[in-house]
Amino acid sequence: MFNTRNTTDVQRRILTAATDLFIRNGFRATSVRDIAAASDASVAMVNYYFRSKYTLFEMIFEDALDALFERVFKSLHSELPFFELLEAWINSYYEILMEYPQLPIFILNEINQDPKQLMSRMMKREPYSVYRLLEKRINDEAQKQLIRETPVHDFILNMLSLCVFPFMFRNLATSLTGASNDDYNDMLNEHKKYVVTFIINALTPPPKRGVNEAAFSSFSCEEVLT
């Protein structure tokens, strides 16, 4: 997960414990003391190596972004048929967000608190190259009449909304329904299949009308009945 080449055993334990606690309890409900206890370290060690809980979460966030962009690039550079590529891409989002469920909330906080810093993080990963690759693939598929003509920004916004919002909604959903995190994860795995089907159906062009169907539709109802 993390690049641990230049880290000590204590640092690795702290990072691993922090990741687990952030995922299970969320950022706000996890204290430095919790991280220290779970990693068999002291609060002083956590502060010495990472300065703050927020710095720890930033490192985990960077790792999540690296993993996400790596999988997205891999999908877009593959020779998979377009709909299979989309399924692989959606699976990648769900896998990353299952692994880092606090990621969407962290991004929202960064947008509100330090958007320039977030932009800097994102630009290091060349998001426009993803946009251009996807735009080319969508345009090529539309020209072949394999999918509907679709503006790439609309496609990206729709797909991100469908993939990300269920993870943002997790805490409220489990609180309202009394469902456990495991129950909600099971629901998300089923919902992922729905998202794949929904996106593919939205992009699938309507069936071409046959000659007889077109000829029949040219008559009015009165003409057909008479």
C-alpha atoms as a PDB file:
ATOM      1  CA  MET A   1       0.000   0.000   0.000  1.00  0.00           C
ATOM      2  CA  PHE A   2       2.475   2.628   1.143  1.00  0.00           C
ATOM      3  CA  ASN A   3       5.986   3.209  -0.107  1.00  0.00           C
ATOM      4  CA  THR A   4       7.760   2.002   3.015  1.00  0.00           C
ATOM      5  CA  ARG A   5      11.320   1.866   1.687  1.00  0.00           C
ATOM      6  CA  ASN A   6      12.494   4.776   3.847  1.00  0.00           C
ATOM      7  CA  THR A   7      10.212   4.247   6.835  1.00  0.00           C
ATOM      8  CA  THR A   8      10.939   2.568  10.142  1.00  0.00           C
ATOM      9  CA  ASP A   9       8.967  -0.305  11.612  1.00  0.00           C
ATOM     10  CA  VAL A  10       7.286   2.113  14.026  1.00  0.00           C
ATOM     11  CA  GLN A  11       6.217   4.409  11.179  1.00  0.00           C
ATOM     12  CA  ARG A  12       4.795   1.491   9.218  1.00  0.00           C
ATOM     13  CA  ARG A  13       2.831   0.305  12.252  1.00  0.00           C
ATOM     14  CA  ILE A  14       1.461   3.794  12.841  1.00  0.00           C
ATOM     15  CA  LEU A  15       0.415   4.215   9.188  1.00  0.00           C
ATOM     16  CA  THR A  16      -1.261   0.804   9.093  1.00  0.00           C
ATOM     17  CA  ALA A  17      -3.089   1.367  12.372  1.00  0.00           C
ATOM     18  CA  ALA A  18      -4.181   4.872  11.364  1.00  0.00           C
ATOM     19  CA  THR A  19      -5.552   3.628   8.044  1.00  0.00           C
ATOM     20  CA  ASP A  20      -7.555   0.904   9.765  1.00  0.00           C
ATOM     21  CA  LEU A  21      -8.964   3.286  12.395  1.00  0.00           C
ATOM     22  CA  PHE A  22      -9.845   6.019   9.882  1.00  0.00           C
ATOM     23  CA  ILE A  23     -11.698   3.467   7.764  1.00  0.00           C
ATOM     24  CA  ARG A  24     -13.595   1.939  10.695  1.00  0.00           C
ATOM     25  CA  ASN A  25     -14.286   5.043  12.794  1.00  0.00           C
ATOM     26  CA  GLY A  26     -13.769   8.030  10.510  1.00  0.00           C
ATOM     27  CA  PHE A  27     -11.306  10.898  10.825  1.00  0.00           C
ATOM     28  CA  ARG A  28     -13.069  12.852  13.581  1.00  0.00           C
ATOM     29  CA  ALA A  29     -13.746   9.837  15.816  1.00  0.00           C
ATOM     30  CA  THR A  30     -10.117   8.690  15.701  1.00  0.00           C
ATOM     31  CA  SER A  31      -7.673  10.289  18.123  1.00  0.00           C
ATOM     32  CA  VAL A  32      -3.878  10.306  18.135  1.00  0.00           C
ATOM     33  CA  ARG A  33      -4.100   8.321  21.351  1.00  0.00           C
ATOM     34  CA  ASP A  34      -6.191   5.668  19.562  1.00  0.00           C
ATOM     35  CA  ILE A  35      -3.595   5.442  16.795  1.00  0.00           C
ATOM     36  CA  ALA A  36      -0.758   5.173  19.279  1.00  0.00           C
ATOM     37  CA  ALA A  37      -2.483   2.386  21.216  1.00  0.00           C
ATOM     38  CA  ALA A  38      -3.378   0.414  18.069  1.00  0.00           C
ATOM     39  CA  SER A  39       0.183   0.644  16.718  1.00  0.00           C
ATOM     40  CA  ASP A  40       1.900  -0.203  20.018  1.00  0.00           C
ATOM     41  CA  ALA A  41       3.542   3.224  19.966  1.00  0.00           C
ATOM     42  CA  SER A  42       3.340   6.313  22.126  1.00  0.00           C
ATOM     43  CA  VAL A  43       1.563   9.588  21.402  1.00  0.00           C
ATOM     44  CA  ALA A  44       4.995  11.216  21.366  1.00  0.00           C
ATOM     45  CA  MET A  45       6.138   8.814  18.625  1.00  0.00           C
ATOM     46  CA  VAL A  46       3.091   9.568  16.478  1.00  0.00           C
ATOM     47  CA  ASN A  47       3.683  13.307  16.826  1.00  0.00           C
ATOM     48  CA  TYR A  48       7.435  12.926  16.244  1.00  0.00           C
ATOM     49  CA  TYR A  49       7.089  11.008  12.986  1.00  0.00           C
ATOM     50  CA  PHE A  50       3.904  12.577  11.574  1.00  0.00           C
ATOM     51  CA  ARG A  51       3.353  15.846  13.522  1.00  0.00           C
ATOM     52  CA  SER A  52      -0.454  15.478  13.570  1.00  0.00           C
ATOM     53  CA  LYS A  53      -3.418  13.254  12.856  1.00  0.00           C
ATOM     54  CA  TYR A  54      -4.190  15.409   9.829  1.00  0.00           C
ATOM     55  CA  THR A  55      -0.724  14.804   8.358  1.00  0.00           C
ATOM     56  CA  LEU A  56      -1.282  11.074   8.737  1.00  0.00           C
ATOM     57  CA  PHE A  57      -4.579  11.309   6.911  1.00  0.00           C
ATOM     58  CA  GLU A  58      -2.970  13.376   4.158  1.00  0.00           C
ATOM     59  CA  MET A  59      -0.456  10.590   3.558  1.00  0.00           C
ATOM     60  CA  ILE A  60      -3.247   8.035   3.353  1.00  0.00           C
ATOM     61  CA  PHE A  61      -5.136  10.361   0.996  1.00  0.00           C
ATOM     62  CA  GLU A  62      -2.118  10.644  -1.296  1.00  0.00           C
ATOM     63  CA  ASP A  63      -1.794   6.876  -1.357  1.00  0.00           C
ATOM     64  CA  ALA A  64      -5.482   6.518  -2.260  1.00  0.00           C
ATOM     65  CA  LEU A  65      -5.167   9.035  -5.111  1.00  0.00           C
ATOM     66  CA  ASP A  66      -2.117   7.216  -6.482  1.00  0.00           C
ATOM     67  CA  ALA A  67      -3.964   3.897  -6.437  1.00  0.00           C
ATOM     68  CA  LEU A  68      -7.072   5.395  -8.057  1.00  0.00           C
ATOM     69  CA  PHE A  69      -5.254   7.153 -10.900  1.00  0.00           C
ATOM     70  CA  GLU A  70      -3.092   4.105 -11.550  1.00  0.00           C
ATOM     71  CA  ARG A  71      -6.166   1.904 -12.001  1.00  0.00           C
ATOM     72  CA  VAL A  72      -7.990   4.486 -14.118  1.00  0.00           C
ATOM     73  CA  PHE A  73      -4.997   4.898 -16.453  1.00  0.00           C
ATOM     74  CA  LYS A  74      -4.650   1.132 -16.723  1.00  0.00           C
ATOM     75  CA  SER A  75      -8.308   0.799 -17.738  1.00  0.00           C
ATOM     76  CA  LEU A  76      -8.170   3.586 -20.311  1.00  0.00           C
ATOM     77  CA  HIS A  77      -4.995   2.232 -21.928  1.00  0.00           C
ATOM     78  CA  SER A  78      -6.412  -1.267 -22.218  1.00  0.00           C
ATOM     79  CA  GLU A  79      -7.801  -2.801 -25.388  1.00  0.00           C
ATOM     80  CA  LEU A  80     -11.018  -3.813 -23.661  1.00  0.00           C
ATOM     81  CA  PRO A  81     -14.314  -3.210 -25.478  1.00  0.00           C
ATOM     82  CA  PHE A  82     -15.761   0.075 -24.291  1.00  0.00           C
ATOM     83  CA  PHE A  83     -18.505  -1.316 -22.049  1.00  0.00           C
ATOM     84  CA  GLU A  84     -16.072  -3.759 -20.436  1.00  0.00           C
ATOM     85  CA  LEU A  85     -13.700  -0.840 -19.883  1.00  0.00           C
ATOM     86  CA  LEU A  86     -16.480   1.080 -18.127  1.00  0.00           C
ATOM     87  CA  GLU A  87     -17.231  -1.889 -15.892  1.00  0.00           C
ATOM     88  CA  ALA A  88     -13.541  -2.185 -14.980  1.00  0.00           C
ATOM     89  CA  TRP A  89     -13.433   1.551 -14.241  1.00  0.00           C
ATOM     90  CA  ILE A  90     -16.512   1.474 -12.012  1.00  0.00           C
ATOM     91  CA  ASN A  91     -15.125  -1.579 -10.215  1.00  0.00           C
ATOM     92  CA  SER A  92     -11.921   0.377  -9.612  1.00  0.00           C
ATOM     93  CA  TYR A  93     -13.817   3.242  -7.977  1.00  0.00           C
ATOM     94  CA  TYR A  94     -15.747   0.905  -5.714  1.00  0.00           C
ATOM     95  CA  GLU A  95     -12.618  -1.052  -4.752  1.00  0.00           C
ATOM     96  CA  ILE A  96     -10.709   2.122  -3.862  1.00  0.00           C
ATOM     97  CA  LEU A  97     -13.630   3.617  -1.953  1.00  0.00           C
ATOM     98  CA  MET A  98     -14.188   0.367  -0.067  1.00  0.00           C
ATOM     99  CA  GLU A  99     -10.534   0.524   0.913  1.00  0.00           C
ATOM    100  CA  TYR A 100     -10.605   4.281   1.669  1.00  0.00           C
ATOM    101  CA  PRO A 101     -14.254   5.111   2.536  1.00  0.00           C
ATOM    102  CA  GLN A 102     -13.282   8.455   4.120  1.00  0.00           C
ATOM    103  CA  LEU A 103     -11.799   9.711   0.835  1.00  0.00           C
ATOM    104  CA  PRO A 104     -14.910  11.564  -0.502  1.00  0.00           C
ATOM    105  CA  ILE A 105     -15.464  13.395   2.800  1.00  0.00           C
ATOM    106  CA  PHE A 106     -11.800  14.355   2.959  1.00  0.00           C
ATOM    107  CA  ILE A 107     -11.981  15.767  -0.574  1.00  0.00           C
ATOM    108  CA  LEU A 108     -15.071  17.811   0.324  1.00  0.00           C
ATOM    109  CA  ASN A 109     -13.309  19.186   3.386  1.00  0.00           C
ATOM    110  CA  GLU A 110     -10.296  20.110   1.281  1.00  0.00           C
ATOM    111  CA  ILE A 111     -12.524  21.860  -1.267  1.00  0.00           C
ATOM    112  CA  ASN A 112     -13.996  23.992   1.518  1.00  0.00           C
ATOM    113  CA  GLN A 113     -10.802  24.597   3.512  1.00  0.00           C
ATOM    114  CA  ASP A 114      -7.902  24.581   1.071  1.00  0.00           C
ATOM    115  CA  PRO A 115      -8.979  24.239  -2.569  1.00  0.00           C
ATOM    116  CA  LYS A 116      -5.586  25.401  -3.905  1.00  0.00           C
ATOM    117  CA  GLN A 117      -3.816  22.632  -2.041  1.00  0.00           C
ATOM    118  CA  LEU A 118      -6.304  20.065  -3.352  1.00  0.00           C
ATOM    119  CA  MET A 119      -5.849  21.372  -6.885  1.00  0.00           C
ATOM    120  CA  SER A 120      -2.086  21.033  -6.497  1.00  0.00           C
ATOM    121  CA  ARG A 121      -2.476  17.422  -5.374  1.00  0.00           C
ATOM    122  CA  MET A 122      -4.719  16.591  -8.307  1.00  0.00           C
ATOM    123  CA  MET A 123      -2.617  18.347 -10.948  1.00  0.00           C
ATOM    124  CA  LYS A 124       0.435  16.263 -10.013  1.00  0.00           C
ATOM    125  CA  ARG A 125      -1.464  13.282 -11.401  1.00  0.00           C
ATOM    126  CA  GLU A 126      -2.271  14.941 -14.742  1.00  0.00           C
ATOM    127  CA  PRO A 127      -6.073  14.596 -14.639  1.00  0.00           C
ATOM    128  CA  TYR A 128      -6.417  16.263 -18.038  1.00  0.00           C
ATOM    129  CA  SER A 129      -4.682  13.301 -19.641  1.00  0.00           C
ATOM    130  CA  VAL A 130      -7.431  11.069 -18.238  1.00  0.00           C
ATOM    131  CA  TYR A 131     -10.034  13.497 -19.565  1.00  0.00           C
ATOM    132  CA  ARG A 132      -8.482  13.556 -23.046  1.00  0.00           C
ATOM    133  CA  LEU A 133      -8.123   9.778 -23.238  1.00  0.00           C
ATOM    134  CA  LEU A 134     -11.724   9.287 -22.214  1.00  0.00           C
ATOM    135  CA  GLU A 135     -12.976  12.000 -24.562  1.00  0.00           C
ATOM    136  CA  LYS A 136     -11.207  10.362 -27.507  1.00  0.00           C
ATOM    137  CA  ARG A 137     -12.560   6.935 -26.652  1.00  0.00           C
ATOM    138  CA  ILE A 138     -16.124   8.221 -26.247  1.00  0.00           C
ATOM    139  CA  ASN A 139     -15.967  10.171 -29.518  1.00  0.00           C
ATOM    140  CA  ASP A 140     -14.551   7.168 -31.379  1.00  0.00           C
ATOM    141  CA  GLU A 141     -17.289   4.897 -30.052  1.00  0.00           C
ATOM    142  CA  ALA A 142     -19.987   7.448 -30.920  1.00  0.00           C
ATOM    143  CA  GLN A 143     -18.674   7.847 -34.473  1.00  0.00           C
ATOM    144  CA  LYS A 144     -18.942   4.079 -34.889  1.00  0.00           C
ATOM    145  CA  GLN A 145     -22.506   4.389 -33.563  1.00  0.00           C
ATOM    146  CA  LEU A 146     -21.680   1.948 -30.772  1.00  0.00           C
ATOM    147  CA  ILE A 147     -22.801   4.437 -28.114  1.00  0.00           C
ATOM    148  CA  ARG A 148     -24.912   7.579 -27.994  1.00  0.00           C
ATOM    149  CA  GLU A 149     -23.177  10.900 -28.573  1.00  0.00           C
ATOM    150  CA  THR A 150     -22.276  11.990 -25.057  1.00  0.00           C
ATOM    151  CA  PRO A 151     -20.298  15.028 -23.824  1.00  0.00           C
ATOM    152  CA  VAL A 152     -17.406  13.654 -21.797  1.00  0.00           C
ATOM    153  CA  HIS A 153     -17.979  16.079 -18.910  1.00  0.00           C
ATOM    154  CA  ASP A 154     -21.600  14.894 -18.559  1.00  0.00           C
ATOM    155  CA  PHE A 155     -20.438  11.291 -18.561  1.00  0.00           C
ATOM    156  CA  ILE A 156     -17.779  11.931 -15.897  1.00  0.00           C
ATOM    157  CA  LEU A 157     -20.162  13.877 -13.642  1.00  0.00           C
ATOM    158  CA  ASN A 158     -22.837  11.189 -13.905  1.00  0.00           C
ATOM    159  CA  MET A 159     -20.469   8.327 -13.222  1.00  0.00           C
ATOM    160  CA  LEU A 160     -18.722  10.035 -10.295  1.00  0.00           C
ATOM    161  CA  SER A 161     -22.073  10.928  -8.743  1.00  0.00           C
ATOM    162  CA  LEU A 162     -23.296   7.346  -8.960  1.00  0.00           C
ATOM    163  CA  CYS A 163     -20.043   5.908  -7.624  1.00  0.00           C
ATOM    164  CA  VAL A 164     -19.133   8.417  -4.915  1.00  0.00           C
ATOM    165  CA  PHE A 165     -22.416   9.476  -3.301  1.00  0.00           C
ATOM    166  CA  PRO A 166     -23.249   6.042  -1.780  1.00  0.00           C
ATOM    167  CA  PHE A 167     -19.992   6.239   0.194  1.00  0.00           C
ATOM    168  CA  MET A 168     -20.699   9.793   1.335  1.00  0.00           C
ATOM    169  CA  PHE A 169     -24.171   8.673   2.431  1.00  0.00           C
ATOM    170  CA  ARG A 170     -22.858   5.688   4.441  1.00  0.00           C
ATOM    171  CA  ASN A 171     -22.908   7.164   7.962  1.00  0.00           C
ATOM    172  CA  LEU A 172     -26.376   8.661   7.593  1.00  0.00           C
ATOM    173  CA  ALA A 173     -27.746   5.507   5.953  1.00  0.00           C
ATOM    174  CA  THR A 174     -26.426   3.179   8.646  1.00  0.00           C
ATOM    175  CA  SER A 175     -27.654   5.518  11.397  1.00  0.00           C
ATOM    176  CA  LEU A 176     -31.159   5.798   9.915  1.00  0.00           C
ATOM    177  CA  THR A 177     -31.574   2.099   9.155  1.00  0.00           C
ATOM    178  CA  GLY A 178     -29.550   0.541  11.958  1.00  0.00           C
ATOM    179  CA  ALA A 179     -27.625  -1.475   9.381  1.00  0.00           C
ATOM    180  CA  SER A 180     -24.071  -2.535  10.163  1.00  0.00           C
ATOM    181  CA  ASN A 181     -21.114  -1.496   8.011  1.00  0.00           C
ATOM    182  CA  ASP A 182     -20.928  -5.070   6.717  1.00  0.00           C
ATOM    183  CA  ASP A 183     -24.590  -4.930   5.697  1.00  0.00           C
ATOM    184  CA  TYR A 184     -24.025  -1.622   3.965  1.00  0.00           C
ATOM    185  CA  ASN A 185     -20.963  -3.005   2.160  1.00  0.00           C
ATOM    186  CA  ASP A 186     -23.072  -5.903   0.896  1.00  0.00           C
ATOM    187  CA  MET A 187     -25.617  -3.400  -0.379  1.00  0.00           C
ATOM    188  CA  LEU A 188     -22.862  -1.395  -2.092  1.00  0.00           C
ATOM    189  CA  ASN A 189     -21.598  -4.503  -3.874  1.00  0.00           C
ATOM    190  CA  GLU A 190     -25.074  -5.071  -5.267  1.00  0.00           C
ATOM    191  CA  HIS A 191     -25.482  -1.382  -6.075  1.00  0.00           C
ATOM    192  CA  LYS A 192     -22.236  -1.471  -8.064  1.00  0.00           C
ATOM    193  CA  LYS A 193     -23.860  -3.936 -10.481  1.00  0.00           C
ATOM    194  CA  TYR A 194     -26.803  -1.562 -10.830  1.00  0.00           C
ATOM    195  CA  VAL A 195     -24.476   1.364 -11.587  1.00  0.00           C
ATOM    196  CA  VAL A 196     -22.706  -0.643 -14.315  1.00  0.00           C
ATOM    197  CA  THR A 197     -26.046  -1.563 -15.909  1.00  0.00           C
ATOM    198  CA  PHE A 198     -27.406   1.975 -15.563  1.00  0.00           C
ATOM    199  CA  ILE A 199     -24.365   3.580 -17.236  1.00  0.00           C
ATOM    200  CA  ILE A 200     -24.298   1.047 -20.071  1.00  0.00           C
ATOM    201  CA  ASN A 201     -28.030   1.434 -20.718  1.00  0.00           C
ATOM    202  CA  ALA A 202     -27.683   5.221 -20.755  1.00  0.00           C
ATOM    203  CA  LEU A 203     -24.959   4.996 -23.414  1.00  0.00           C
ATOM    204  CA  THR A 204     -26.477   2.243 -25.542  1.00  0.00           C
ATOM    205  CA  PRO A 205     -27.960   3.715 -28.743  1.00  0.00           C
ATOM    206  CA  PRO A 206     -31.612   2.980 -29.489  1.00  0.00           C
ATOM    207  CA  PRO A 207     -32.242   0.050 -31.848  1.00  0.00           C
ATOM    208  CA  LYS A 208     -32.364   0.963 -35.506  1.00  0.00           C
ATOM    209  CA  ARG A 209     -35.843   0.951 -36.894  1.00  0.00           C
ATOM    210  CA  GLY A 210     -36.537  -1.624 -39.565  1.00  0.00           C
ATOM    211  CA  VAL A 211     -38.070  -0.794 -42.922  1.00  0.00           C
ATOM    212  CA  ASN A 212     -41.478  -2.243 -42.045  1.00  0.00           C
ATOM    213  CA  GLU A 213     -41.535  -0.434 -38.698  1.00  0.00           C
ATOM    214  CA  ALA A 214     -40.670   2.870 -40.333  1.00  0.00           C
ATOM    215  CA  ALA A 215     -43.293   2.385 -43.038  1.00  0.00           C
ATOM    216  CA  PHE A 216     -45.943   1.443 -40.503  1.00  0.00           C
ATOM    217  CA  SER A 217     -45.217   4.503 -38.360  1.00  0.00           C
ATOM    218  CA  SER A 218     -45.763   6.806 -41.344  1.00  0.00           C
ATOM    219  CA  PHE A 219     -49.505   6.053 -41.260  1.00  0.00           C
ATOM    220  CA  SER A 220     -51.853   7.687 -38.834  1.00  0.00           C
ATOM    221  CA  CYS A 221     -53.931   5.598 -36.462  1.00  0.00           C
ATOM    222  CA  GLU A 222     -57.074   6.392 -38.460  1.00  0.00           C
ATOM    223  CA  GLU A 223     -55.465   5.138 -41.690  1.00  0.00           C
ATOM    224  CA  VAL A 224     -54.405   1.895 -40.076  1.00  0.00           C
ATOM    225  CA  LEU A 225     -57.848   1.275 -38.578  1.00  0.00           C
ATOM    226  CA  THR A 226     -59.605   1.957 -41.877  1.00  0.00           C
END
